[in-house]
Amino acid sequence: RMVSLDYIRRSAKRNAAHSVGRAFLRALGLDPARYTARSWEHEAYAGLRSCMANHGSPMDGRR
């Protein structure tokens, strides 16, 4: 049983933030930028920036 083009299109739109989703959108003749929301980047990395910021070492206060 083959996967319908409608299913592939909906899946590609849902996964437009990923390279495979963008490739499928291009193959279907759709513009990936139209389906890629920039808000996911902020949400996905919100805690990471805080975690990776250099606020000093926990060992600095131990002398």
PDB file of N, CA and C in Angstrom:
ATOM      1  N   ARG A   1       0.846  -1.180   0.000  1.00  0.00           N
ATOM      2  CA  ARG A   1       0.000   0.000   0.000  1.00  0.00           C
ATOM      3  C   ARG A   1       0.887   1.237   0.000  1.00  0.00           C
ATOM      4  N   MET A   2       0.617   2.157  -0.852  1.00  0.00           N
ATOM      5  CA  MET A   2       1.432   3.365  -0.987  1.00  0.00           C
ATOM      6  C   MET A   2       0.893   4.489  -0.108  1.00  0.00           C
ATOM      7  N   VAL A   3       1.794   5.363   0.288  1.00  0.00           N
ATOM      8  CA  VAL A   3       1.427   6.536   1.077  1.00  0.00           C
ATOM      9  C   VAL A   3       0.898   7.596   0.118  1.00  0.00           C
ATOM     10  N   SER A   4      -0.202   8.224   0.485  1.00  0.00           N
ATOM     11  CA  SER A   4      -0.809   9.222  -0.401  1.00  0.00           C
ATOM     12  C   SER A   4      -0.001  10.520  -0.393  1.00  0.00           C
ATOM     13  N   LEU A   5      -0.108  11.254  -1.484  1.00  0.00           N
ATOM     14  CA  LEU A   5       0.567  12.550  -1.566  1.00  0.00           C
ATOM     15  C   LEU A   5       0.021  13.520  -0.534  1.00  0.00           C
ATOM     16  N   ASP A   6      -1.255  13.395  -0.218  1.00  0.00           N
ATOM     17  CA  ASP A   6      -1.853  14.261   0.799  1.00  0.00           C
ATOM     18  C   ASP A   6      -1.187  14.029   2.154  1.00  0.00           C
ATOM     19  N   TYR A   7      -0.949  12.776   2.500  1.00  0.00           N
ATOM     20  CA  TYR A   7      -0.282  12.451   3.771  1.00  0.00           C
ATOM     21  C   TYR A   7       1.148  12.997   3.774  1.00  0.00           C
ATOM     22  N   ILE A   8       1.857  12.831   2.668  1.00  0.00           N
ATOM     23  CA  ILE A   8       3.236  13.320   2.568  1.00  0.00           C
ATOM     24  C   ILE A   8       3.264  14.841   2.700  1.00  0.00           C
ATOM     25  N   ARG A   9       2.328  15.518   2.049  1.00  0.00           N
ATOM     26  CA  ARG A   9       2.253  16.975   2.104  1.00  0.00           C
ATOM     27  C   ARG A   9       1.986  17.453   3.540  1.00  0.00           C
ATOM     28  N   ARG A  10       1.018  16.837   4.214  1.00  0.00           N
ATOM     29  CA  ARG A  10       0.704  17.236   5.595  1.00  0.00           C
ATOM     30  C   ARG A  10       1.877  16.970   6.527  1.00  0.00           C
ATOM     31  N   SER A  11       2.534  15.836   6.339  1.00  0.00           N
ATOM     32  CA  SER A  11       3.688  15.496   7.178  1.00  0.00           C
ATOM     33  C   SER A  11       4.849  16.457   6.933  1.00  0.00           C
ATOM     34  N   ALA A  12       5.092  16.801   5.681  1.00  0.00           N
ATOM     35  CA  ALA A  12       6.177  17.727   5.348  1.00  0.00           C
ATOM     36  C   ALA A  12       5.905  19.110   5.934  1.00  0.00           C
ATOM     37  N   LYS A  13       4.657  19.562   5.874  1.00  0.00           N
ATOM     38  CA  LYS A  13       4.308  20.862   6.460  1.00  0.00           C
ATOM     39  C   LYS A  13       4.505  20.845   7.974  1.00  0.00           C
ATOM     40  N   ARG A  14       4.114  19.742   8.595  1.00  0.00           N
ATOM     41  CA  ARG A  14       4.243  19.607  10.047  1.00  0.00           C
ATOM     42  C   ARG A  14       5.709  19.564  10.476  1.00  0.00           C
ATOM     43  N   ASN A  15       6.575  19.029   9.613  1.00  0.00           N
ATOM     44  CA  ASN A  15       7.992  18.875   9.934  1.00  0.00           C
ATOM     45  C   ASN A  15       8.875  19.820   9.124  1.00  0.00           C
ATOM     46  N   ALA A  16       8.345  20.974   8.774  1.00  0.00           N
ATOM     47  CA  ALA A  16       9.074  21.925   7.932  1.00  0.00           C
ATOM     48  C   ALA A  16      10.327  22.481   8.605  1.00  0.00           C
ATOM     49  N   ALA A  17      10.443  22.331   9.900  1.00  0.00           N
ATOM     50  CA  ALA A  17      11.625  22.827  10.607  1.00  0.00           C
ATOM     51  C   ALA A  17      12.819  21.878  10.438  1.00  0.00           C
ATOM     52  N   HIS A  18      12.600  20.723   9.870  1.00  0.00           N
ATOM     53  CA  HIS A  18      13.662  19.727   9.698  1.00  0.00           C
ATOM     54  C   HIS A  18      14.051  19.624   8.231  1.00  0.00           C
ATOM     55  N   SER A  19      15.282  19.225   7.977  1.00  0.00           N
ATOM     56  CA  SER A  19      15.791  19.215   6.605  1.00  0.00           C
ATOM     57  C   SER A  19      15.013  18.260   5.701  1.00  0.00           C
ATOM     58  N   VAL A  20      14.598  17.114   6.209  1.00  0.00           N
ATOM     59  CA  VAL A  20      13.852  16.170   5.372  1.00  0.00           C
ATOM     60  C   VAL A  20      12.477  16.750   5.024  1.00  0.00           C
ATOM     61  N   GLY A  21      11.837  17.381   5.988  1.00  0.00           N
ATOM     62  CA  GLY A  21      10.550  18.020   5.717  1.00  0.00           C
ATOM     63  C   GLY A  21      10.678  19.105   4.670  1.00  0.00           C
ATOM     64  N   ARG A  22      11.736  19.923   4.772  1.00  0.00           N
ATOM     65  CA  ARG A  22      11.960  20.975   3.769  1.00  0.00           C
ATOM     66  C   ARG A  22      12.223  20.377   2.392  1.00  0.00           C
ATOM     67  N   ALA A  23      12.970  19.266   2.349  1.00  0.00           N
ATOM     68  CA  ALA A  23      13.256  18.618   1.064  1.00  0.00           C
ATOM     69  C   ALA A  23      11.968  18.102   0.415  1.00  0.00           C
ATOM     70  N   PHE A  24      11.085  17.520   1.212  1.00  0.00           N
ATOM     71  CA  PHE A  24       9.819  17.047   0.667  1.00  0.00           C
ATOM     72  C   PHE A  24       8.958  18.205   0.192  1.00  0.00           C
ATOM     73  N   LEU A  25       8.954  19.303   0.928  1.00  0.00           N
ATOM     74  CA  LEU A  25       8.189  20.471   0.486  1.00  0.00           C
ATOM     75  C   LEU A  25       8.702  20.978  -0.854  1.00  0.00           C
ATOM     76  N   ARG A  26      10.024  21.036  -1.003  1.00  0.00           N
ATOM     77  CA  ARG A  26      10.605  21.468  -2.283  1.00  0.00           C
ATOM     78  C   ARG A  26      10.210  20.508  -3.406  1.00  0.00           C
ATOM     79  N   ALA A  27      10.280  19.208  -3.108  1.00  0.00           N
ATOM     80  CA  ALA A  27       9.939  18.202  -4.120  1.00  0.00           C
ATOM     81  C   ALA A  27       8.473  18.307  -4.537  1.00  0.00           C
ATOM     82  N   LEU A  28       7.627  18.745  -3.624  1.00  0.00           N
ATOM     83  CA  LEU A  28       6.208  18.915  -3.931  1.00  0.00           C
ATOM     84  C   LEU A  28       5.909  20.273  -4.552  1.00  0.00           C
ATOM     85  N   GLY A  29       6.942  21.095  -4.734  1.00  0.00           N
ATOM     86  CA  GLY A  29       6.772  22.407  -5.343  1.00  0.00           C
ATOM     87  C   GLY A  29       6.258  23.465  -4.394  1.00  0.00           C
ATOM     88  N   LEU A  30       6.414  23.237  -3.085  1.00  0.00           N
ATOM     89  CA  LEU A  30       5.959  24.194  -2.081  1.00  0.00           C
ATOM     90  C   LEU A  30       7.154  24.933  -1.496  1.00  0.00           C
ATOM     91  N   ASP A  31       6.954  26.157  -1.067  1.00  0.00           N
ATOM     92  CA  ASP A  31       8.017  26.971  -0.491  1.00  0.00           C
ATOM     93  C   ASP A  31       8.187  26.623   0.994  1.00  0.00           C
ATOM     94  N   PRO A  32       9.317  26.028   1.386  1.00  0.00           N
ATOM     95  CA  PRO A  32       9.525  25.642   2.787  1.00  0.00           C
ATOM     96  C   PRO A  32       9.474  26.820   3.759  1.00  0.00           C
ATOM     97  N   ALA A  33       9.895  27.997   3.320  1.00  0.00           N
ATOM     98  CA  ALA A  33       9.910  29.167   4.203  1.00  0.00           C
ATOM     99  C   ALA A  33       8.494  29.540   4.657  1.00  0.00           C
ATOM    100  N   ARG A  34       7.527  29.230   3.844  1.00  0.00           N
ATOM    101  CA  ARG A  34       6.135  29.553   4.185  1.00  0.00           C
ATOM    102  C   ARG A  34       5.641  28.709   5.367  1.00  0.00           C
ATOM    103  N   TYR A  35       6.201  27.538   5.551  1.00  0.00           N
ATOM    104  CA  TYR A  35       5.727  26.623   6.579  1.00  0.00           C
ATOM    105  C   TYR A  35       6.652  26.530   7.779  1.00  0.00           C
ATOM    106  N   THR A  36       7.787  27.204   7.718  1.00  0.00           N
ATOM    107  CA  THR A  36       8.735  27.156   8.823  1.00  0.00           C
ATOM    108  C   THR A  36       8.530  28.370   9.713  1.00  0.00           C
ATOM    109  N   ALA A  37       8.063  28.132  10.903  1.00  0.00           N
ATOM    110  CA  ALA A  37       7.886  29.213  11.877  1.00  0.00           C
ATOM    111  C   ALA A  37       9.195  29.412  12.627  1.00  0.00           C
ATOM    112  N   ARG A  38       9.589  30.618  12.825  1.00  0.00           N
ATOM    113  CA  ARG A  38      10.836  30.899  13.530  1.00  0.00           C
ATOM    114  C   ARG A  38      10.694  30.750  15.040  1.00  0.00           C
ATOM    115  N   SER A  39       9.478  30.692  15.535  1.00  0.00           N
ATOM    116  CA  SER A  39       9.280  30.625  16.985  1.00  0.00           C
ATOM    117  C   SER A  39       9.805  29.325  17.580  1.00  0.00           C
ATOM    118  N   TRP A  40       9.853  28.241  16.793  1.00  0.00           N
ATOM    119  CA  TRP A  40      10.330  26.979  17.351  1.00  0.00           C
ATOM    120  C   TRP A  40      11.787  27.092  17.776  1.00  0.00           C
ATOM    121  N   GLU A  41      12.581  27.891  17.073  1.00  0.00           N
ATOM    122  CA  GLU A  41      13.988  28.018  17.427  1.00  0.00           C
ATOM    123  C   GLU A  41      14.141  28.623  18.821  1.00  0.00           C
ATOM    124  N   HIS A  42      13.371  29.665  19.083  1.00  0.00           N
ATOM    125  CA  HIS A  42      13.452  30.315  20.377  1.00  0.00           C
ATOM    126  C   HIS A  42      13.000  29.371  21.484  1.00  0.00           C
ATOM    127  N   GLU A  43      11.900  28.667  21.262  1.00  0.00           N
ATOM    128  CA  GLU A  43      11.378  27.746  22.269  1.00  0.00           C
ATOM    129  C   GLU A  43      12.333  26.588  22.512  1.00  0.00           C
ATOM    130  N   ALA A  44      12.912  26.052  21.463  1.00  0.00           N
ATOM    131  CA  ALA A  44      13.773  24.886  21.598  1.00  0.00           C
ATOM    132  C   ALA A  44      15.074  25.207  22.324  1.00  0.00           C
ATOM    133  N   TYR A  45      15.582  26.417  22.144  1.00  0.00           N
ATOM    134  CA  TYR A  45      16.877  26.768  22.714  1.00  0.00           C
ATOM    135  C   TYR A  45      16.787  27.735  23.884  1.00  0.00           C
ATOM    136  N   ALA A  46      15.604  28.007  24.379  1.00  0.00           N
ATOM    137  CA  ALA A  46      15.434  28.986  25.450  1.00  0.00           C
ATOM    138  C   ALA A  46      16.251  28.621  26.690  1.00  0.00           C
ATOM    139  N   GLY A  47      16.186  27.397  27.142  1.00  0.00           N
ATOM    140  CA  GLY A  47      16.927  26.987  28.324  1.00  0.00           C
ATOM    141  C   GLY A  47      18.398  26.770  28.054  1.00  0.00           C
ATOM    142  N   LEU A  48      18.733  26.455  26.825  1.00  0.00           N
ATOM    143  CA  LEU A  48      20.124  26.156  26.485  1.00  0.00           C
ATOM    144  C   LEU A  48      21.011  27.389  26.597  1.00  0.00           C
ATOM    145  N   ARG A  49      20.532  28.533  26.150  1.00  0.00           N
ATOM    146  CA  ARG A  49      21.346  29.751  26.243  1.00  0.00           C
ATOM    147  C   ARG A  49      21.676  30.067  27.693  1.00  0.00           C
ATOM    148  N   SER A  50      20.715  29.937  28.556  1.00  0.00           N
ATOM    149  CA  SER A  50      20.938  30.204  29.972  1.00  0.00           C
ATOM    150  C   SER A  50      21.926  29.198  30.562  1.00  0.00           C
ATOM    151  N   CYS A  51      21.763  27.951  30.171  1.00  0.00           N
ATOM    152  CA  CYS A  51      22.627  26.885  30.681  1.00  0.00           C
ATOM    153  C   CYS A  51      24.087  27.086  30.241  1.00  0.00           C
ATOM    154  N   MET A  52      24.272  27.501  28.982  1.00  0.00           N
ATOM    155  CA  MET A  52      25.621  27.613  28.433  1.00  0.00           C
ATOM    156  C   MET A  52      26.287  28.956  28.727  1.00  0.00           C
ATOM    157  N   ALA A  53      25.539  29.914  29.259  1.00  0.00           N
ATOM    158  CA  ALA A  53      26.126  31.215  29.584  1.00  0.00           C
ATOM    159  C   ALA A  53      27.143  31.036  30.714  1.00  0.00           C
ATOM    160  N   ASN A  54      28.226  31.751  30.632  1.00  0.00           N
ATOM    161  CA  ASN A  54      29.282  31.627  31.632  1.00  0.00           C
ATOM    162  C   ASN A  54      28.993  32.578  32.791  1.00  0.00           C
ATOM    163  N   HIS A  55      28.347  32.064  33.822  1.00  0.00           N
ATOM    164  CA  HIS A  55      28.025  32.853  35.006  1.00  0.00           C
ATOM    165  C   HIS A  55      29.042  32.608  36.112  1.00  0.00           C
ATOM    166  N   GLY A  56      30.130  31.987  35.775  1.00  0.00           N
ATOM    167  CA  GLY A  56      31.140  31.656  36.776  1.00  0.00           C
ATOM    168  C   GLY A  56      31.065  30.191  37.155  1.00  0.00           C
ATOM    169  N   SER A  57      32.074  29.724  37.763  1.00  0.00           N
ATOM    170  CA  SER A  57      32.144  28.321  38.170  1.00  0.00           C
ATOM    171  C   SER A  57      31.592  28.146  39.575  1.00  0.00           C
ATOM    172  N   PRO A  58      30.923  27.036  39.829  1.00  0.00           N
ATOM    173  CA  PRO A  58      30.484  26.751  41.202  1.00  0.00           C
ATOM    174  C   PRO A  58      31.666  26.612  42.148  1.00  0.00           C
ATOM    175  N   MET A  59      32.818  26.352  41.607  1.00  0.00           N
ATOM    176  CA  MET A  59      34.027  26.158  42.413  1.00  0.00           C
ATOM    177  C   MET A  59      34.657  27.493  42.807  1.00  0.00           C
ATOM    178  N   ASP A  60      34.231  28.623  42.220  1.00  0.00           N
ATOM    179  CA  ASP A  60      34.826  29.919  42.530  1.00  0.00           C
ATOM    180  C   ASP A  60      34.674  30.300  44.005  1.00  0.00           C
ATOM    181  N   GLY A  61      33.581  29.941  44.624  1.00  0.00           N
ATOM    182  CA  GLY A  61      33.342  30.324  46.023  1.00  0.00           C
ATOM    183  C   GLY A  61      34.008  29.409  47.032  1.00  0.00           C
ATOM    184  N   ARG A  62      34.649  28.342  46.605  1.00  0.00           N
ATOM    185  CA  ARG A  62      35.260  27.381  47.515  1.00  0.00           C
ATOM    186  C   ARG A  62      36.750  27.649  47.693  1.00  0.00           C
ATOM    187  N   ARG A  63      37.108  28.425  48.656  1.00  0.00           N
ATOM    188  CA  ARG A  63      38.532  28.687  48.913  1.00  0.00           C
ATOM    189  C   ARG A  63      38.824  28.554  50.356  1.00  0.00           C
TER     190      ARG A  63
END
